[in-house]
Amino acid sequence: MIAIVMRISEDYTSKKTPKLAISYCTSTLLAAIHMLIAGQSLIAKGSSAPIIIGSIGGVLYLSSFVLLELNVRKNGIVLSSTFMKLGLLVPLVVSLIFFSERPSLIQFAGVLLALLAIILINLKDQDNIIHWKIGLPLLLIINGSADAISKVYEQFGPTSMSDQFLFYIFVVAALLAGILTFVRHENVGKADILFGLLLGIPNFYAARITLKALEYIPASIFYPSCHVGTLMVVTLTGLFFFKEKLSRLQWAAVLLIFAAMILLNV
């Protein structure tokens, strides 16, 4: 939903930072509502994990966005989006090394197919060759770290305070996005507010569902499944609703996605 709303919003507004700030404010409000309904305080009490890990997550969220912008300008959208999606390697490595989560041999084959599918789906023809530049690996690491922060909290933070953790992520991200909007002298228009609101809702619930899923599913299985599943939905939406064309390589990636999803869930 996030990717689809972003795609639709491009027809109405070219500004990204104000839209991002509004979306983070919306996510913050939703987290606060969930806490108030549950009778929880907005200020984390009894554990500093929600504040510390959440604040780090907020910085990583916005840093990932800024790095994506810089890389798109310098390296193009294809390489930038490819390396951003390959950021799933970070939570995979973290779960394997630090949390001793070991996928089966068949599931590991599914992970490899998922990574290959991510690369192919972002290539329009064989002329697109990945050139290693400092901004691209940095984007991979920061975006992957933003993904991995949920796994870190799932391991070290109290489950009962997960909404506080999300609250601090989005509070920090909203403040930083607001500052960036002010520094760039970007005005907030009606379209920015509308699409910011529409982005904020799936943004919050994606983060919340991720935390819940990681309680039951190993990160080494969840992250690849989530990424290739998202790719499948976005690709099919682009194909049928936005009339986008797929190259042969991208069709091959679609088949790999199906295969990866089967292997990951065996």
C-alpha atoms as a PDB file:
ATOM      1  CA  MET A   1       0.000   0.000   0.000  1.00  0.00           C
ATOM      2  CA  ILE A   2       2.843   2.415   0.790  1.00  0.00           C
ATOM      3  CA  ALA A   3       4.449   1.873  -2.612  1.00  0.00           C
ATOM      4  CA  ILE A   4       1.104   2.129  -4.429  1.00  0.00           C
ATOM      5  CA  VAL A   5       0.118   5.382  -2.676  1.00  0.00           C
ATOM      6  CA  MET A   6       3.573   6.818  -3.432  1.00  0.00           C
ATOM      7  CA  ARG A   7       3.130   5.873  -7.091  1.00  0.00           C
ATOM      8  CA  ILE A   8      -0.291   7.586  -7.291  1.00  0.00           C
ATOM      9  CA  SER A   9       0.949  10.685  -5.437  1.00  0.00           C
ATOM     10  CA  GLU A  10       3.606  11.337  -8.110  1.00  0.00           C
ATOM     11  CA  ASP A  11       0.819  12.520 -10.437  1.00  0.00           C
ATOM     12  CA  TYR A  12      -0.291  15.192  -7.950  1.00  0.00           C
ATOM     13  CA  THR A  13       2.817  16.414  -6.137  1.00  0.00           C
ATOM     14  CA  SER A  14       6.550  16.245  -6.789  1.00  0.00           C
ATOM     15  CA  LYS A  15       7.511  17.217  -3.236  1.00  0.00           C
ATOM     16  CA  LYS A  16       8.509  14.281  -1.063  1.00  0.00           C
ATOM     17  CA  THR A  17       9.698  15.738   2.253  1.00  0.00           C
ATOM     18  CA  PRO A  18       6.429  17.486   3.313  1.00  0.00           C
ATOM     19  CA  LYS A  19       4.490  14.348   2.371  1.00  0.00           C
ATOM     20  CA  LEU A  20       6.891  12.272   4.452  1.00  0.00           C
ATOM     21  CA  ALA A  21       6.588  14.611   7.456  1.00  0.00           C
ATOM     22  CA  ILE A  22       2.780  14.413   7.354  1.00  0.00           C
ATOM     23  CA  SER A  23       2.891  10.614   7.043  1.00  0.00           C
ATOM     24  CA  TYR A  24       5.141  10.299  10.109  1.00  0.00           C
ATOM     25  CA  CYS A  25       2.854  12.648  12.060  1.00  0.00           C
ATOM     26  CA  THR A  26      -0.103  10.453  11.095  1.00  0.00           C
ATOM     27  CA  SER A  27       1.752   7.314  12.222  1.00  0.00           C
ATOM     28  CA  THR A  28       2.655   9.044  15.504  1.00  0.00           C
ATOM     29  CA  LEU A  29      -1.016   9.908  16.096  1.00  0.00           C
ATOM     30  CA  LEU A  30      -2.088   6.314  15.399  1.00  0.00           C
ATOM     31  CA  ALA A  31       0.510   4.980  17.846  1.00  0.00           C
ATOM     32  CA  ALA A  32      -0.707   7.450  20.480  1.00  0.00           C
ATOM     33  CA  ILE A  33      -4.341   6.396  19.910  1.00  0.00           C
ATOM     34  CA  HIS A  34      -3.436   2.720  20.340  1.00  0.00           C
ATOM     35  CA  MET A  35      -1.632   3.501  23.597  1.00  0.00           C
ATOM     36  CA  LEU A  36      -4.507   5.593  24.977  1.00  0.00           C
ATOM     37  CA  ILE A  37      -7.047   2.893  24.115  1.00  0.00           C
ATOM     38  CA  ALA A  38      -4.865   0.350  25.950  1.00  0.00           C
ATOM     39  CA  GLY A  39      -4.569   2.725  28.921  1.00  0.00           C
ATOM     40  CA  GLN A  40      -0.818   3.145  28.443  1.00  0.00           C
ATOM     41  CA  SER A  41       1.199   6.288  29.061  1.00  0.00           C
ATOM     42  CA  LEU A  42       2.805   8.154  26.171  1.00  0.00           C
ATOM     43  CA  ILE A  43       5.975   8.291  28.271  1.00  0.00           C
ATOM     44  CA  ALA A  44       7.704   4.924  28.497  1.00  0.00           C
ATOM     45  CA  LYS A  45       7.977   3.800  32.122  1.00  0.00           C
ATOM     46  CA  GLY A  46       9.809   0.779  33.491  1.00  0.00           C
ATOM     47  CA  SER A  47      12.121   0.344  30.516  1.00  0.00           C
ATOM     48  CA  SER A  48      14.294   2.681  28.457  1.00  0.00           C
ATOM     49  CA  ALA A  49      14.297   0.308  25.448  1.00  0.00           C
ATOM     50  CA  PRO A  50      11.299   1.928  23.662  1.00  0.00           C
ATOM     51  CA  ILE A  51      12.873   5.392  23.885  1.00  0.00           C
ATOM     52  CA  ILE A  52      16.453   4.407  22.987  1.00  0.00           C
ATOM     53  CA  ILE A  53      15.755   1.821  20.270  1.00  0.00           C
ATOM     54  CA  GLY A  54      12.770   3.787  18.956  1.00  0.00           C
ATOM     55  CA  SER A  55      14.784   7.015  18.657  1.00  0.00           C
ATOM     56  CA  ILE A  56      17.551   5.189  16.785  1.00  0.00           C
ATOM     57  CA  GLY A  57      14.871   3.745  14.511  1.00  0.00           C
ATOM     58  CA  GLY A  58      13.460   7.205  13.802  1.00  0.00           C
ATOM     59  CA  VAL A  59      16.893   8.500  12.788  1.00  0.00           C
ATOM     60  CA  LEU A  60      17.432   5.456  10.547  1.00  0.00           C
ATOM     61  CA  TYR A  61      14.004   5.886   8.920  1.00  0.00           C
ATOM     62  CA  LEU A  62      14.703   9.449   7.819  1.00  0.00           C
ATOM     63  CA  SER A  63      18.363   8.799   6.993  1.00  0.00           C
ATOM     64  CA  SER A  64      17.254   6.032   4.630  1.00  0.00           C
ATOM     65  CA  PHE A  65      14.916   8.455   2.849  1.00  0.00           C
ATOM     66  CA  VAL A  66      17.618  11.133   2.493  1.00  0.00           C
ATOM     67  CA  LEU A  67      20.141   8.593   1.190  1.00  0.00           C
ATOM     68  CA  LEU A  68      17.600   7.301  -1.315  1.00  0.00           C
ATOM     69  CA  GLU A  69      17.057  10.843  -2.628  1.00  0.00           C
ATOM     70  CA  LEU A  70      20.807  11.454  -2.971  1.00  0.00           C
ATOM     71  CA  ASN A  71      21.398   8.131  -4.710  1.00  0.00           C
ATOM     72  CA  VAL A  72      18.530   8.630  -7.157  1.00  0.00           C
ATOM     73  CA  ARG A  73      20.117  11.913  -8.250  1.00  0.00           C
ATOM     74  CA  LYS A  74      23.634  10.450  -8.563  1.00  0.00           C
ATOM     75  CA  ASN A  75      23.073   6.823  -9.524  1.00  0.00           C
ATOM     76  CA  GLY A  76      19.540   6.708 -10.942  1.00  0.00           C
ATOM     77  CA  ILE A  77      16.321   5.126  -9.717  1.00  0.00           C
ATOM     78  CA  VAL A  78      17.131   1.580 -10.897  1.00  0.00           C
ATOM     79  CA  LEU A  79      20.356   1.089  -8.951  1.00  0.00           C
ATOM     80  CA  SER A  80      19.042   3.029  -5.959  1.00  0.00           C
ATOM     81  CA  SER A  81      15.838   1.020  -5.606  1.00  0.00           C
ATOM     82  CA  THR A  82      17.746  -2.240  -6.125  1.00  0.00           C
ATOM     83  CA  PHE A  83      20.240  -1.516  -3.354  1.00  0.00           C
ATOM     84  CA  MET A  84      17.489  -0.217  -1.077  1.00  0.00           C
ATOM     85  CA  LYS A  85      15.563  -3.493  -1.416  1.00  0.00           C
ATOM     86  CA  LEU A  86      18.747  -5.529  -0.979  1.00  0.00           C
ATOM     87  CA  GLY A  87      18.888  -3.943   2.470  1.00  0.00           C
ATOM     88  CA  LEU A  88      17.017  -7.050   3.653  1.00  0.00           C
ATOM     89  CA  LEU A  89      20.502  -8.602   3.850  1.00  0.00           C
ATOM     90  CA  VAL A  90      21.112  -6.589   7.036  1.00  0.00           C
ATOM     91  CA  PRO A  91      18.300  -8.098   9.162  1.00  0.00           C
ATOM     92  CA  LEU A  92      19.168 -11.504   7.702  1.00  0.00           C
ATOM     93  CA  VAL A  93      22.810 -11.203   8.782  1.00  0.00           C
ATOM     94  CA  VAL A  94      21.789  -9.791  12.178  1.00  0.00           C
ATOM     95  CA  SER A  95      19.381 -12.672  12.824  1.00  0.00           C
ATOM     96  CA  LEU A  96      21.928 -15.284  11.706  1.00  0.00           C
ATOM     97  CA  ILE A  97      24.933 -13.930  13.640  1.00  0.00           C
ATOM     98  CA  PHE A  98      23.421 -12.405  16.776  1.00  0.00           C
ATOM     99  CA  PHE A  99      20.154 -14.290  17.277  1.00  0.00           C
ATOM    100  CA  SER A 100      21.217 -17.718  15.916  1.00  0.00           C
ATOM    101  CA  GLU A 101      18.217 -18.088  13.606  1.00  0.00           C
ATOM    102  CA  ARG A 102      19.045 -20.749  11.031  1.00  0.00           C
ATOM    103  CA  PRO A 103      16.779 -21.335   8.023  1.00  0.00           C
ATOM    104  CA  SER A 104      16.614 -24.846   6.580  1.00  0.00           C
ATOM    105  CA  LEU A 105      18.531 -25.629   3.385  1.00  0.00           C
ATOM    106  CA  ILE A 106      15.336 -25.299   1.323  1.00  0.00           C
ATOM    107  CA  GLN A 107      14.472 -21.986   2.982  1.00  0.00           C
ATOM    108  CA  PHE A 108      18.011 -20.748   2.390  1.00  0.00           C
ATOM    109  CA  ALA A 109      17.533 -21.529  -1.320  1.00  0.00           C
ATOM    110  CA  GLY A 110      14.355 -19.440  -1.110  1.00  0.00           C
ATOM    111  CA  VAL A 111      16.340 -16.535   0.369  1.00  0.00           C
ATOM    112  CA  LEU A 112      18.819 -16.699  -2.533  1.00  0.00           C
ATOM    113  CA  LEU A 113      15.971 -16.753  -5.070  1.00  0.00           C
ATOM    114  CA  ALA A 114      14.372 -13.767  -3.309  1.00  0.00           C
ATOM    115  CA  LEU A 115      17.612 -11.762  -3.558  1.00  0.00           C
ATOM    116  CA  LEU A 116      17.990 -12.667  -7.240  1.00  0.00           C
ATOM    117  CA  ALA A 117      14.363 -11.684  -7.899  1.00  0.00           C
ATOM    118  CA  ILE A 118      14.903  -8.287  -6.245  1.00  0.00           C
ATOM    119  CA  ILE A 119      17.859  -7.589  -8.545  1.00  0.00           C
ATOM    120  CA  LEU A 120      16.088  -8.752 -11.716  1.00  0.00           C
ATOM    121  CA  ILE A 121      12.799  -6.936 -11.031  1.00  0.00           C
ATOM    122  CA  ASN A 122      14.706  -3.642 -10.963  1.00  0.00           C
ATOM    123  CA  LEU A 123      16.532  -4.217 -14.234  1.00  0.00           C
ATOM    124  CA  LYS A 124      14.841  -3.143 -17.468  1.00  0.00           C
ATOM    125  CA  ASP A 125      17.398  -4.751 -19.767  1.00  0.00           C
ATOM    126  CA  GLN A 126      20.798  -6.402 -19.756  1.00  0.00           C
ATOM    127  CA  ASP A 127      22.570  -3.043 -20.076  1.00  0.00           C
ATOM    128  CA  ASN A 128      21.846  -2.172 -16.462  1.00  0.00           C
ATOM    129  CA  ILE A 129      25.055  -3.136 -14.669  1.00  0.00           C
ATOM    130  CA  ILE A 130      25.572  -2.524 -10.968  1.00  0.00           C
ATOM    131  CA  HIS A 131      28.492  -0.181 -10.341  1.00  0.00           C
ATOM    132  CA  TRP A 132      29.774  -0.112  -6.774  1.00  0.00           C
ATOM    133  CA  LYS A 133      29.663   3.446  -5.471  1.00  0.00           C
ATOM    134  CA  ILE A 134      29.906   4.523  -1.839  1.00  0.00           C
ATOM    135  CA  GLY A 135      26.353   5.899  -1.728  1.00  0.00           C
ATOM    136  CA  LEU A 136      24.761   2.623  -2.841  1.00  0.00           C
ATOM    137  CA  PRO A 137      26.280   0.291  -0.191  1.00  0.00           C
ATOM    138  CA  LEU A 138      25.548   2.975   2.414  1.00  0.00           C
ATOM    139  CA  LEU A 139      21.905   3.048   1.320  1.00  0.00           C
ATOM    140  CA  LEU A 140      21.774  -0.750   1.600  1.00  0.00           C
ATOM    141  CA  ILE A 141      23.208  -0.678   5.144  1.00  0.00           C
ATOM    142  CA  ILE A 142      21.072   2.194   6.485  1.00  0.00           C
ATOM    143  CA  ASN A 143      17.816   0.984   4.935  1.00  0.00           C
ATOM    144  CA  GLY A 144      18.525  -2.554   6.100  1.00  0.00           C
ATOM    145  CA  SER A 145      19.309  -1.283   9.600  1.00  0.00           C
ATOM    146  CA  ALA A 146      15.960   0.549   9.640  1.00  0.00           C
ATOM    147  CA  ASP A 147      14.309  -2.800   8.857  1.00  0.00           C
ATOM    148  CA  ALA A 148      16.382  -4.654  11.439  1.00  0.00           C
ATOM    149  CA  ILE A 149      15.494  -2.248  14.268  1.00  0.00           C
ATOM    150  CA  SER A 150      12.169  -4.069  14.756  1.00  0.00           C
ATOM    151  CA  LYS A 151      14.005  -7.370  15.259  1.00  0.00           C
ATOM    152  CA  VAL A 152      16.366  -5.695  17.743  1.00  0.00           C
ATOM    153  CA  TYR A 153      13.416  -4.404  19.758  1.00  0.00           C
ATOM    154  CA  GLU A 154      11.630  -7.764  19.569  1.00  0.00           C
ATOM    155  CA  GLN A 155      14.705  -9.309  21.218  1.00  0.00           C
ATOM    156  CA  PHE A 156      15.543  -6.670  23.815  1.00  0.00           C
ATOM    157  CA  GLY A 157      12.400  -4.630  24.396  1.00  0.00           C
ATOM    158  CA  PRO A 158       9.267  -5.539  26.403  1.00  0.00           C
ATOM    159  CA  THR A 159       6.431  -6.772  24.189  1.00  0.00           C
ATOM    160  CA  SER A 160       3.881  -4.877  26.296  1.00  0.00           C
ATOM    161  CA  MET A 161       5.536  -1.574  25.292  1.00  0.00           C
ATOM    162  CA  SER A 162       5.733  -2.151  21.539  1.00  0.00           C
ATOM    163  CA  ASP A 163       3.332   0.740  20.833  1.00  0.00           C
ATOM    164  CA  GLN A 164       5.615   3.076  22.810  1.00  0.00           C
ATOM    165  CA  PHE A 165       8.521   1.853  20.692  1.00  0.00           C
ATOM    166  CA  LEU A 166       6.595   2.693  17.492  1.00  0.00           C
ATOM    167  CA  PHE A 167       5.518   6.023  18.971  1.00  0.00           C
ATOM    168  CA  TYR A 168       9.125   7.109  19.531  1.00  0.00           C
ATOM    169  CA  ILE A 169      10.194   5.911  16.078  1.00  0.00           C
ATOM    170  CA  PHE A 170       7.601   8.080  14.369  1.00  0.00           C
ATOM    171  CA  VAL A 171       7.945  11.054  16.747  1.00  0.00           C
ATOM    172  CA  VAL A 172      11.675  11.301  16.023  1.00  0.00           C
ATOM    173  CA  ALA A 173      11.189  10.675  12.288  1.00  0.00           C
ATOM    174  CA  ALA A 174       8.403  13.320  12.142  1.00  0.00           C
ATOM    175  CA  LEU A 175      10.541  15.924  13.937  1.00  0.00           C
ATOM    176  CA  LEU A 176      13.513  15.308  11.635  1.00  0.00           C
ATOM    177  CA  ALA A 177      11.307  15.341   8.517  1.00  0.00           C
ATOM    178  CA  GLY A 178       9.708  18.602   9.717  1.00  0.00           C
ATOM    179  CA  ILE A 179      13.138  20.181  10.215  1.00  0.00           C
ATOM    180  CA  LEU A 180      14.225  19.004   6.760  1.00  0.00           C
ATOM    181  CA  THR A 181      11.080  20.474   5.209  1.00  0.00           C
ATOM    182  CA  PHE A 182      11.778  23.817   6.919  1.00  0.00           C
ATOM    183  CA  VAL A 183      15.463  23.829   5.886  1.00  0.00           C
ATOM    184  CA  ARG A 184      14.517  23.128   2.275  1.00  0.00           C
ATOM    185  CA  HIS A 185      11.867  25.891   2.335  1.00  0.00           C
ATOM    186  CA  GLU A 186       9.237  23.493   0.991  1.00  0.00           C
ATOM    187  CA  ASN A 187       5.617  24.544   1.384  1.00  0.00           C
ATOM    188  CA  VAL A 188       3.037  21.998   2.482  1.00  0.00           C
ATOM    189  CA  GLY A 189       0.187  21.808  -0.037  1.00  0.00           C
ATOM    190  CA  LYS A 190      -3.214  20.112   0.091  1.00  0.00           C
ATOM    191  CA  ALA A 191      -1.943  17.160  -1.967  1.00  0.00           C
ATOM    192  CA  ASP A 192       0.967  16.701   0.456  1.00  0.00           C
ATOM    193  CA  ILE A 193      -1.444  16.579   3.398  1.00  0.00           C
ATOM    194  CA  LEU A 194      -3.818  14.150   1.673  1.00  0.00           C
ATOM    195  CA  PHE A 195      -1.159  11.698   0.519  1.00  0.00           C
ATOM    196  CA  GLY A 196       0.785  12.117   3.760  1.00  0.00           C
ATOM    197  CA  LEU A 197      -2.305  10.958   5.647  1.00  0.00           C
ATOM    198  CA  LEU A 198      -2.829   8.066   3.239  1.00  0.00           C
ATOM    199  CA  LEU A 199       0.825   7.024   3.609  1.00  0.00           C
ATOM    200  CA  GLY A 200       0.870   7.307   7.382  1.00  0.00           C
ATOM    201  CA  ILE A 201      -1.842   4.693   7.927  1.00  0.00           C
ATOM    202  CA  PRO A 202      -0.175   1.716   6.143  1.00  0.00           C
ATOM    203  CA  ASN A 203       3.215   2.972   7.354  1.00  0.00           C
ATOM    204  CA  PHE A 204       2.166   2.558  10.989  1.00  0.00           C
ATOM    205  CA  TYR A 205       0.359  -0.740  10.590  1.00  0.00           C
ATOM    206  CA  ALA A 206       3.186  -2.237   8.514  1.00  0.00           C
ATOM    207  CA  ALA A 207       5.560  -1.505  11.407  1.00  0.00           C
ATOM    208  CA  ARG A 208       3.080  -2.835  13.979  1.00  0.00           C
ATOM    209  CA  ILE A 209       2.389  -6.052  12.059  1.00  0.00           C
ATOM    210  CA  THR A 210       6.141  -6.555  11.585  1.00  0.00           C
ATOM    211  CA  LEU A 211       6.665  -6.491  15.360  1.00  0.00           C
ATOM    212  CA  LYS A 212       3.846  -8.988  15.881  1.00  0.00           C
ATOM    213  CA  ALA A 213       5.075 -11.275  13.093  1.00  0.00           C
ATOM    214  CA  LEU A 214       8.635 -11.366  14.457  1.00  0.00           C
ATOM    215  CA  GLU A 215       7.288 -12.840  17.714  1.00  0.00           C
ATOM    216  CA  TYR A 216       6.303 -15.990  15.820  1.00  0.00           C
ATOM    217  CA  ILE A 217       8.326 -16.078  12.584  1.00  0.00           C
ATOM    218  CA  PRO A 218      12.159 -16.165  12.352  1.00  0.00           C
ATOM    219  CA  ALA A 219      13.557 -12.951  10.837  1.00  0.00           C
ATOM    220  CA  SER A 220      15.489 -15.014   8.284  1.00  0.00           C
ATOM    221  CA  ILE A 221      12.127 -16.179   6.895  1.00  0.00           C
ATOM    222  CA  PHE A 222       9.941 -13.140   7.573  1.00  0.00           C
ATOM    223  CA  TYR A 223      12.029 -10.433   5.873  1.00  0.00           C
ATOM    224  CA  PRO A 224      12.600 -12.218   2.531  1.00  0.00           C
ATOM    225  CA  SER A 225       8.931 -13.321   2.445  1.00  0.00           C
ATOM    226  CA  CYS A 226       7.771  -9.787   3.189  1.00  0.00           C
ATOM    227  CA  HIS A 227      10.030  -8.203   0.570  1.00  0.00           C
ATOM    228  CA  VAL A 228       9.217 -10.547  -2.297  1.00  0.00           C
ATOM    229  CA  GLY A 229       5.529 -10.526  -1.359  1.00  0.00           C
ATOM    230  CA  THR A 230       5.551  -6.725  -1.547  1.00  0.00           C
ATOM    231  CA  LEU A 231       7.341  -6.878  -4.886  1.00  0.00           C
ATOM    232  CA  MET A 232       4.696  -9.228  -6.229  1.00  0.00           C
ATOM    233  CA  VAL A 233       1.782  -7.010  -5.165  1.00  0.00           C
ATOM    234  CA  VAL A 234       3.418  -3.812  -6.463  1.00  0.00           C
ATOM    235  CA  THR A 235       4.451  -5.459  -9.753  1.00  0.00           C
ATOM    236  CA  LEU A 236       0.972  -6.856 -10.430  1.00  0.00           C
ATOM    237  CA  THR A 237      -0.612  -3.513  -9.499  1.00  0.00           C
ATOM    238  CA  GLY A 238       1.684  -1.692 -11.908  1.00  0.00           C
ATOM    239  CA  LEU A 239       0.964  -4.239 -14.601  1.00  0.00           C
ATOM    240  CA  PHE A 240      -2.838  -4.247 -14.397  1.00  0.00           C
ATOM    241  CA  PHE A 241      -3.712  -0.782 -13.067  1.00  0.00           C
ATOM    242  CA  PHE A 242      -0.893   1.483 -14.302  1.00  0.00           C
ATOM    243  CA  LYS A 243      -0.380  -0.421 -17.584  1.00  0.00           C
ATOM    244  CA  GLU A 244       3.370  -0.720 -16.986  1.00  0.00           C
ATOM    245  CA  LYS A 245       5.394  -3.049 -19.215  1.00  0.00           C
ATOM    246  CA  LEU A 246       7.723  -5.756 -17.931  1.00  0.00           C
ATOM    247  CA  SER A 247      10.937  -6.830 -19.630  1.00  0.00           C
ATOM    248  CA  ARG A 248      11.866 -10.485 -20.021  1.00  0.00           C
ATOM    249  CA  LEU A 249      14.185 -10.189 -17.039  1.00  0.00           C
ATOM    250  CA  GLN A 250      11.353  -8.798 -14.930  1.00  0.00           C
ATOM    251  CA  TRP A 251       9.016 -11.614 -15.974  1.00  0.00           C
ATOM    252  CA  ALA A 252      11.751 -14.046 -14.947  1.00  0.00           C
ATOM    253  CA  ALA A 253      11.882 -12.239 -11.593  1.00  0.00           C
ATOM    254  CA  VAL A 254       8.122 -12.712 -11.142  1.00  0.00           C
ATOM    255  CA  LEU A 255       8.549 -16.479 -11.599  1.00  0.00           C
ATOM    256  CA  LEU A 256      11.449 -16.436  -9.126  1.00  0.00           C
ATOM    257  CA  ILE A 257       9.243 -14.627  -6.615  1.00  0.00           C
ATOM    258  CA  PHE A 258       6.653 -17.413  -6.802  1.00  0.00           C
ATOM    259  CA  ALA A 259       9.391 -20.024  -6.346  1.00  0.00           C
ATOM    260  CA  ALA A 260      10.984 -18.096  -3.464  1.00  0.00           C
ATOM    261  CA  MET A 261       7.654 -17.745  -1.622  1.00  0.00           C
ATOM    262  CA  ILE A 262       7.076 -21.511  -1.890  1.00  0.00           C
ATOM    263  CA  LEU A 263      10.570 -22.425  -0.664  1.00  0.00           C
ATOM    264  CA  LEU A 264      10.551 -19.880   2.177  1.00  0.00           C
ATOM    265  CA  ASN A 265       7.342 -21.297   3.576  1.00  0.00           C
ATOM    266  CA  VAL A 266       8.187 -25.007   3.295  1.00  0.00           C
END
